């Protein structure tokens, strides 16, 4: 009976640990642009721009609403 209780406690502990979120993405400033919340995926980004890019740099962001397409102009 003692081993059974130990196994049950271990299983419950393992399930709780598996359900605990370890997500650290987008922890930082959340910007509200046109009613949509956006956050940068990283505080630093190293990109090499070529002529084929036509002056466009794609910056990964996290969005609060993914049901529609969104555009955010970033000026640096």
PDB file of N, CA and C in Angstrom:
ATOM      1  N   UNK A   1       0.828  -1.197   0.000  1.00  0.00           N
ATOM      2  CA  UNK A   1       0.000   0.000   0.000  1.00  0.00           C
ATOM      3  C   UNK A   1       0.872   1.260   0.000  1.00  0.00           C
ATOM      4  N   UNK A   2       1.997   1.205   0.744  1.00  0.00           N
ATOM      5  CA  UNK A   2       2.883   2.361   0.818  1.00  0.00           C
ATOM      6  C   UNK A   2       3.492   2.668  -0.552  1.00  0.00           C
ATOM      7  N   UNK A   3       3.912   1.632  -1.275  1.00  0.00           N
ATOM      8  CA  UNK A   3       4.486   1.812  -2.609  1.00  0.00           C
ATOM      9  C   UNK A   3       3.431   2.391  -3.550  1.00  0.00           C
ATOM     10  N   UNK A   4       2.189   1.940  -3.421  1.00  0.00           N
ATOM     11  CA  UNK A   4       1.100   2.440  -4.254  1.00  0.00           C
ATOM     12  C   UNK A   4       0.907   3.943  -4.039  1.00  0.00           C
ATOM     13  N   UNK A   5       0.925   4.404  -2.794  1.00  0.00           N
ATOM     14  CA  UNK A   5       0.765   5.827  -2.493  1.00  0.00           C
ATOM     15  C   UNK A   5       1.945   6.641  -3.025  1.00  0.00           C
ATOM     16  N   UNK A   6       3.134   6.094  -2.912  1.00  0.00           N
ATOM     17  CA  UNK A   6       4.317   6.789  -3.425  1.00  0.00           C
ATOM     18  C   UNK A   6       4.226   6.922  -4.942  1.00  0.00           C
ATOM     19  N   UNK A   7       3.779   5.868  -5.624  1.00  0.00           N
ATOM     20  CA  UNK A   7       3.627   5.923  -7.080  1.00  0.00           C
ATOM     21  C   UNK A   7       2.560   6.937  -7.495  1.00  0.00           C
ATOM     22  N   UNK A   8       1.461   6.987  -6.769  1.00  0.00           N
ATOM     23  CA  UNK A   8       0.401   7.955  -7.065  1.00  0.00           C
ATOM     24  C   UNK A   8       0.920   9.372  -6.871  1.00  0.00           C
ATOM     25  N   UNK A   9       1.617   9.638  -5.778  1.00  0.00           N
ATOM     26  CA  UNK A   9       2.179  10.980  -5.520  1.00  0.00           C
ATOM     27  C   UNK A   9       3.202  11.357  -6.587  1.00  0.00           C
ATOM     28  N   UNK A  10       4.013  10.408  -7.009  1.00  0.00           N
ATOM     29  CA  UNK A  10       5.001  10.676  -8.044  1.00  0.00           C
ATOM     30  C   UNK A  10       4.318  10.981  -9.380  1.00  0.00           C
ATOM     31  N   UNK A  11       3.258  10.258  -9.694  1.00  0.00           N
ATOM     32  CA  UNK A  11       2.528  10.493 -10.939  1.00  0.00           C
ATOM     33  C   UNK A  11       1.861  11.861 -10.924  1.00  0.00           C
ATOM     34  N   UNK A  12       1.266  12.241  -9.807  1.00  0.00           N
ATOM     35  CA  UNK A  12       0.624  13.554  -9.690  1.00  0.00           C
ATOM     36  C   UNK A  12       1.670  14.657  -9.814  1.00  0.00           C
ATOM     37  N   UNK A  13       2.803  14.498  -9.159  1.00  0.00           N
ATOM     38  CA  UNK A  13       3.879  15.484  -9.238  1.00  0.00           C
ATOM     39  C   UNK A  13       4.391  15.616 -10.667  1.00  0.00           C
ATOM     40  N   UNK A  14       4.554  14.508 -11.363  1.00  0.00           N
ATOM     41  CA  UNK A  14       5.018  14.533 -12.745  1.00  0.00           C
ATOM     42  C   UNK A  14       4.008  15.236 -13.642  1.00  0.00           C
ATOM     43  N   UNK A  15       2.726  14.967 -13.447  1.00  0.00           N
ATOM     44  CA  UNK A  15       1.685  15.637 -14.250  1.00  0.00           C
ATOM     45  C   UNK A  15       1.673  17.135 -13.991  1.00  0.00           C
ATOM     46  N   UNK A  16       1.794  17.544 -12.752  1.00  0.00           N
ATOM     47  CA  UNK A  16       1.816  18.975 -12.429  1.00  0.00           C
ATOM     48  C   UNK A  16       3.043  19.655 -13.033  1.00  0.00           C
ATOM     49  N   UNK A  17       4.183  18.983 -12.991  1.00  0.00           N
ATOM     50  CA  UNK A  17       5.400  19.557 -13.574  1.00  0.00           C
ATOM     51  C   UNK A  17       5.265  19.672 -15.088  1.00  0.00           C
ATOM     52  N   UNK A  18       4.605  18.712 -15.725  1.00  0.00           N
ATOM     53  CA  UNK A  18       4.432  18.751 -17.176  1.00  0.00           C
ATOM     54  C   UNK A  18       3.475  19.861 -17.598  1.00  0.00           C
ATOM     55  N   UNK A  19       2.517  20.184 -16.752  1.00  0.00           N
ATOM     56  CA  UNK A  19       1.535  21.208 -17.081  1.00  0.00           C
ATOM     57  C   UNK A  19       1.999  22.624 -16.749  1.00  0.00           C
ATOM     58  N   UNK A  20       3.100  22.747 -16.031  1.00  0.00           N
ATOM     59  CA  UNK A  20       3.627  24.050 -15.672  1.00  0.00           C
ATOM     60  C   UNK A  20       4.266  24.695 -16.894  1.00  0.00           C
ATOM     61  N   UNK A  21       3.903  25.928 -17.173  1.00  0.00           N
ATOM     62  CA  UNK A  21       4.411  26.612 -18.356  1.00  0.00           C
ATOM     63  C   UNK A  21       5.822  27.111 -18.114  1.00  0.00           C
ATOM     64  N   UNK A  22       6.680  26.853 -19.061  1.00  0.00           N
ATOM     65  CA  UNK A  22       8.049  27.354 -19.021  1.00  0.00           C
ATOM     66  C   UNK A  22       8.268  28.349 -20.158  1.00  0.00           C
ATOM     67  N   UNK A  23       7.215  28.900 -20.671  1.00  0.00           N
ATOM     68  CA  UNK A  23       7.284  29.801 -21.814  1.00  0.00           C
ATOM     69  C   UNK A  23       7.829  31.157 -21.381  1.00  0.00           C
ATOM     70  N   UNK A  24       8.968  31.548 -21.953  1.00  0.00           N
ATOM     71  CA  UNK A  24       9.546  32.857 -21.648  1.00  0.00           C
ATOM     72  C   UNK A  24       9.521  33.760 -22.868  1.00  0.00           C
ATOM     73  N   UNK A  25       8.801  33.335 -23.916  1.00  0.00           N
ATOM     74  CA  UNK A  25       8.728  34.131 -25.141  1.00  0.00           C
ATOM     75  C   UNK A  25       7.963  35.418 -24.900  1.00  0.00           C
ATOM     76  N   UNK A  26       8.360  36.443 -25.577  1.00  0.00           N
ATOM     77  CA  UNK A  26       7.686  37.735 -25.570  1.00  0.00           C
ATOM     78  C   UNK A  26       7.536  38.319 -24.173  1.00  0.00           C
ATOM     79  N   UNK A  27       8.508  38.088 -23.318  1.00  0.00           N
ATOM     80  CA  UNK A  27       8.487  38.731 -22.007  1.00  0.00           C
ATOM     81  C   UNK A  27       9.194  40.067 -22.138  1.00  0.00           C
ATOM     82  N   UNK A  28       8.459  41.104 -22.147  1.00  0.00           N
ATOM     83  CA  UNK A  28       9.016  42.427 -22.327  1.00  0.00           C
ATOM     84  C   UNK A  28       7.901  43.382 -22.657  1.00  0.00           C
ATOM     85  N   UNK A  29       8.213  44.407 -23.384  1.00  0.00           N
ATOM     86  CA  UNK A  29       7.233  45.422 -23.731  1.00  0.00           C
ATOM     87  C   UNK A  29       6.235  44.872 -24.735  1.00  0.00           C
ATOM     88  N   UNK A  30       4.959  45.050 -24.438  1.00  0.00           N
ATOM     89  CA  UNK A  30       3.896  44.685 -25.360  1.00  0.00           C
ATOM     90  C   UNK A  30       3.350  45.975 -25.940  1.00  0.00           C
ATOM     91  N   UNK A  31       3.389  46.100 -27.265  1.00  0.00           N
ATOM     92  CA  UNK A  31       2.958  47.310 -27.943  1.00  0.00           C
ATOM     93  C   UNK A  31       1.531  47.135 -28.450  1.00  0.00           C
ATOM     94  N   UNK A  32       0.717  48.158 -28.295  1.00  0.00           N
ATOM     95  CA  UNK A  32      -0.650  48.143 -28.817  1.00  0.00           C
ATOM     96  C   UNK A  32      -0.672  48.997 -30.076  1.00  0.00           C
ATOM     97  N   UNK A  33      -0.751  48.346 -31.237  1.00  0.00           N
ATOM     98  CA  UNK A  33      -0.755  49.039 -32.522  1.00  0.00           C
ATOM     99  C   UNK A  33      -2.098  48.764 -33.194  1.00  0.00           C
ATOM    100  N   UNK A  34      -2.859  49.815 -33.389  1.00  0.00           N
ATOM    101  CA  UNK A  34      -4.179  49.704 -34.017  1.00  0.00           C
ATOM    102  C   UNK A  34      -5.065  48.664 -33.334  1.00  0.00           C
ATOM    103  N   UNK A  35      -5.032  48.632 -32.011  1.00  0.00           N
ATOM    104  CA  UNK A  35      -5.879  47.721 -31.252  1.00  0.00           C
ATOM    105  C   UNK A  35      -5.380  46.288 -31.191  1.00  0.00           C
ATOM    106  N   UNK A  36      -4.191  46.024 -31.708  1.00  0.00           N
ATOM    107  CA  UNK A  36      -3.635  44.675 -31.650  1.00  0.00           C
ATOM    108  C   UNK A  36      -2.354  44.692 -30.842  1.00  0.00           C
ATOM    109  N   UNK A  37      -2.209  43.718 -29.960  1.00  0.00           N
ATOM    110  CA  UNK A  37      -1.021  43.647 -29.118  1.00  0.00           C
ATOM    111  C   UNK A  37       0.081  42.888 -29.843  1.00  0.00           C
ATOM    112  N   UNK A  38       1.265  43.501 -29.907  1.00  0.00           N
ATOM    113  CA  UNK A  38       2.432  42.910 -30.555  1.00  0.00           C
ATOM    114  C   UNK A  38       3.619  42.957 -29.605  1.00  0.00           C
ATOM    115  N   UNK A  39       4.482  41.968 -29.671  1.00  0.00           N
ATOM    116  CA  UNK A  39       5.709  41.946 -28.883  1.00  0.00           C
ATOM    117  C   UNK A  39       6.820  41.375 -29.747  1.00  0.00           C
ATOM    118  N   UNK A  40       8.004  41.936 -29.629  1.00  0.00           N
ATOM    119  CA  UNK A  40       9.140  41.438 -30.394  1.00  0.00           C
ATOM    120  C   UNK A  40       9.589  40.087 -29.851  1.00  0.00           C
ATOM    121  N   UNK A  41      10.006  39.204 -30.760  1.00  0.00           N
ATOM    122  CA  UNK A  41      10.455  37.872 -30.366  1.00  0.00           C
ATOM    123  C   UNK A  41      11.803  37.915 -29.655  1.00  0.00           C
ATOM    124  N   UNK A  42      12.595  38.966 -29.907  1.00  0.00           N
ATOM    125  CA  UNK A  42      13.924  39.065 -29.309  1.00  0.00           C
ATOM    126  C   UNK A  42      14.299  40.531 -29.150  1.00  0.00           C
ATOM    127  N   UNK A  43      15.162  40.809 -28.191  1.00  0.00           N
ATOM    128  CA  UNK A  43      15.617  42.180 -27.995  1.00  0.00           C
ATOM    129  C   UNK A  43      16.724  42.540 -28.973  1.00  0.00           C
ATOM    130  N   UNK A  44      17.367  41.542 -29.584  1.00  0.00           N
ATOM    131  CA  UNK A  44      18.417  41.783 -30.562  1.00  0.00           C
ATOM    132  C   UNK A  44      18.182  40.907 -31.783  1.00  0.00           C
ATOM    133  N   UNK A  45      18.509  41.463 -32.950  1.00  0.00           N
ATOM    134  CA  UNK A  45      18.353  40.698 -34.183  1.00  0.00           C
ATOM    135  C   UNK A  45      19.503  41.042 -35.109  1.00  0.00           C
ATOM    136  N   UNK A  46      20.215  40.032 -35.562  1.00  0.00           N
ATOM    137  CA  UNK A  46      21.328  40.222 -36.485  1.00  0.00           C
ATOM    138  C   UNK A  46      20.910  39.704 -37.849  1.00  0.00           C
ATOM    139  N   UNK A  47      20.819  40.604 -38.821  1.00  0.00           N
ATOM    140  CA  UNK A  47      20.359  40.243 -40.163  1.00  0.00           C
ATOM    141  C   UNK A  47      21.324  40.809 -41.185  1.00  0.00           C
ATOM    142  N   UNK A  48      21.642  40.018 -42.182  1.00  0.00           N
ATOM    143  CA  UNK A  48      22.456  40.498 -43.280  1.00  0.00           C
ATOM    144  C   UNK A  48      21.523  40.793 -44.453  1.00  0.00           C
ATOM    145  N   UNK A  49      21.483  42.044 -44.884  1.00  0.00           N
ATOM    146  CA  UNK A  49      20.574  42.473 -45.938  1.00  0.00           C
ATOM    147  C   UNK A  49      21.303  42.402 -47.279  1.00  0.00           C
ATOM    148  N   UNK A  50      20.622  41.835 -48.261  1.00  0.00           N
ATOM    149  CA  UNK A  50      21.183  41.746 -49.609  1.00  0.00           C
ATOM    150  C   UNK A  50      20.326  42.567 -50.570  1.00  0.00           C
ATOM    151  N   UNK A  51      20.794  42.736 -51.785  1.00  0.00           N
ATOM    152  CA  UNK A  51      20.039  43.494 -52.782  1.00  0.00           C
ATOM    153  C   UNK A  51      18.704  42.823 -53.098  1.00  0.00           C
ATOM    154  N   UNK A  52      18.643  41.516 -52.974  1.00  0.00           N
ATOM    155  CA  UNK A  52      17.403  40.782 -53.253  1.00  0.00           C
ATOM    156  C   UNK A  52      16.304  41.106 -52.246  1.00  0.00           C
ATOM    157  N   UNK A  53      16.666  41.624 -51.082  1.00  0.00           N
ATOM    158  CA  UNK A  53      15.671  41.963 -50.057  1.00  0.00           C
ATOM    159  C   UNK A  53      14.920  43.257 -50.376  1.00  0.00           C
ATOM    160  N   UNK A  54      15.402  44.034 -51.305  1.00  0.00           N
ATOM    161  CA  UNK A  54      14.767  45.300 -51.701  1.00  0.00           C
ATOM    162  C   UNK A  54      14.553  46.247 -50.523  1.00  0.00           C
ATOM    163  N   UNK A  55      15.485  46.240 -49.589  1.00  0.00           N
ATOM    164  CA  UNK A  55      15.392  47.147 -48.443  1.00  0.00           C
ATOM    165  C   UNK A  55      14.393  46.725 -47.384  1.00  0.00           C
ATOM    166  N   UNK A  56      13.858  45.511 -47.470  1.00  0.00           N
ATOM    167  CA  UNK A  56      12.868  45.023 -46.494  1.00  0.00           C
ATOM    168  C   UNK A  56      13.542  44.058 -45.531  1.00  0.00           C
ATOM    169  N   UNK A  57      13.375  44.305 -44.255  1.00  0.00           N
ATOM    170  CA  UNK A  57      13.881  43.417 -43.214  1.00  0.00           C
ATOM    171  C   UNK A  57      12.671  42.858 -42.479  1.00  0.00           C
ATOM    172  N   UNK A  58      12.525  41.564 -42.458  1.00  0.00           N
ATOM    173  CA  UNK A  58      11.407  40.931 -41.762  1.00  0.00           C
ATOM    174  C   UNK A  58      11.798  40.716 -40.300  1.00  0.00           C
ATOM    175  N   UNK A  59      10.952  41.220 -39.410  1.00  0.00           N
ATOM    176  CA  UNK A  59      11.208  41.139 -37.972  1.00  0.00           C
ATOM    177  C   UNK A  59      10.152  40.238 -37.347  1.00  0.00           C
ATOM    178  N   UNK A  60      10.552  39.122 -36.720  1.00  0.00           N
ATOM    179  CA  UNK A  60       9.550  38.252 -36.106  1.00  0.00           C
ATOM    180  C   UNK A  60       8.941  38.905 -34.862  1.00  0.00           C
ATOM    181  N   UNK A  61       7.622  38.848 -34.776  1.00  0.00           N
ATOM    182  CA  UNK A  61       6.896  39.384 -33.624  1.00  0.00           C
ATOM    183  C   UNK A  61       5.855  38.374 -33.179  1.00  0.00           C
ATOM    184  N   UNK A  62       5.427  38.487 -31.928  1.00  0.00           N
ATOM    185  CA  UNK A  62       4.320  37.699 -31.402  1.00  0.00           C
ATOM    186  C   UNK A  62       3.083  38.569 -31.414  1.00  0.00           C
ATOM    187  N   UNK A  63       1.960  38.004 -31.869  1.00  0.00           N
ATOM    188  CA  UNK A  63       0.718  38.759 -31.957  1.00  0.00           C
ATOM    189  C   UNK A  63      -0.307  38.196 -30.991  1.00  0.00           C
ATOM    190  N   UNK A  64      -1.144  39.090 -30.465  1.00  0.00           N
ATOM    191  CA  UNK A  64      -2.215  38.667 -29.574  1.00  0.00           C
ATOM    192  C   UNK A  64      -3.384  38.064 -30.320  1.00  0.00           C
ATOM    193  N   UNK A  65      -3.628  38.509 -31.550  1.00  0.00           N
ATOM    194  CA  UNK A  65      -4.746  38.032 -32.347  1.00  0.00           C
ATOM    195  C   UNK A  65      -4.200  37.514 -33.668  1.00  0.00           C
ATOM    196  N   UNK A  66      -4.338  36.220 -33.900  1.00  0.00           N
ATOM    197  CA  UNK A  66      -3.796  35.633 -35.128  1.00  0.00           C
ATOM    198  C   UNK A  66      -4.885  35.280 -36.136  1.00  0.00           C
ATOM    199  N   UNK A  67      -6.112  35.738 -35.917  1.00  0.00           N
ATOM    200  CA  UNK A  67      -7.195  35.383 -36.828  1.00  0.00           C
ATOM    201  C   UNK A  67      -7.190  36.228 -38.101  1.00  0.00           C
ATOM    202  N   UNK A  68      -6.531  37.387 -38.073  1.00  0.00           N
ATOM    203  CA  UNK A  68      -6.470  38.231 -39.263  1.00  0.00           C
ATOM    204  C   UNK A  68      -5.018  38.628 -39.526  1.00  0.00           C
ATOM    205  N   UNK A  69      -4.758  39.111 -40.736  1.00  0.00           N
ATOM    206  CA  UNK A  69      -3.422  39.572 -41.088  1.00  0.00           C
ATOM    207  C   UNK A  69      -3.183  40.944 -40.466  1.00  0.00           C
ATOM    208  N   UNK A  70      -1.951  41.202 -40.079  1.00  0.00           N
ATOM    209  CA  UNK A  70      -1.627  42.470 -39.431  1.00  0.00           C
ATOM    210  C   UNK A  70      -0.298  42.986 -39.963  1.00  0.00           C
ATOM    211  N   UNK A  71      -0.174  44.316 -40.014  1.00  0.00           N
ATOM    212  CA  UNK A  71       1.055  44.957 -40.445  1.00  0.00           C
ATOM    213  C   UNK A  71       1.435  46.024 -39.429  1.00  0.00           C
ATOM    214  N   UNK A  72       2.709  46.075 -39.075  1.00  0.00           N
ATOM    215  CA  UNK A  72       3.199  47.111 -38.178  1.00  0.00           C
ATOM    216  C   UNK A  72       4.447  47.718 -38.802  1.00  0.00           C
ATOM    217  N   UNK A  73       4.444  49.014 -38.971  1.00  0.00           N
ATOM    218  CA  UNK A  73       5.614  49.713 -39.520  1.00  0.00           C
ATOM    219  C   UNK A  73       6.576  50.022 -38.384  1.00  0.00           C
ATOM    220  N   UNK A  74       7.819  49.637 -38.556  1.00  0.00           N
ATOM    221  CA  UNK A  74       8.845  49.824 -37.530  1.00  0.00           C
ATOM    222  C   UNK A  74       9.870  50.781 -38.108  1.00  0.00           C
ATOM    223  N   UNK A  75      10.154  51.828 -37.386  1.00  0.00           N
ATOM    224  CA  UNK A  75      11.142  52.808 -37.842  1.00  0.00           C
ATOM    225  C   UNK A  75      12.315  52.805 -36.895  1.00  0.00           C
ATOM    226  N   UNK A  76      13.485  52.807 -37.445  1.00  0.00           N
ATOM    227  CA  UNK A  76      14.645  52.754 -36.593  1.00  0.00           C
ATOM    228  C   UNK A  76      15.656  53.813 -36.915  1.00  0.00           C
TER     229      UNK A  76
END
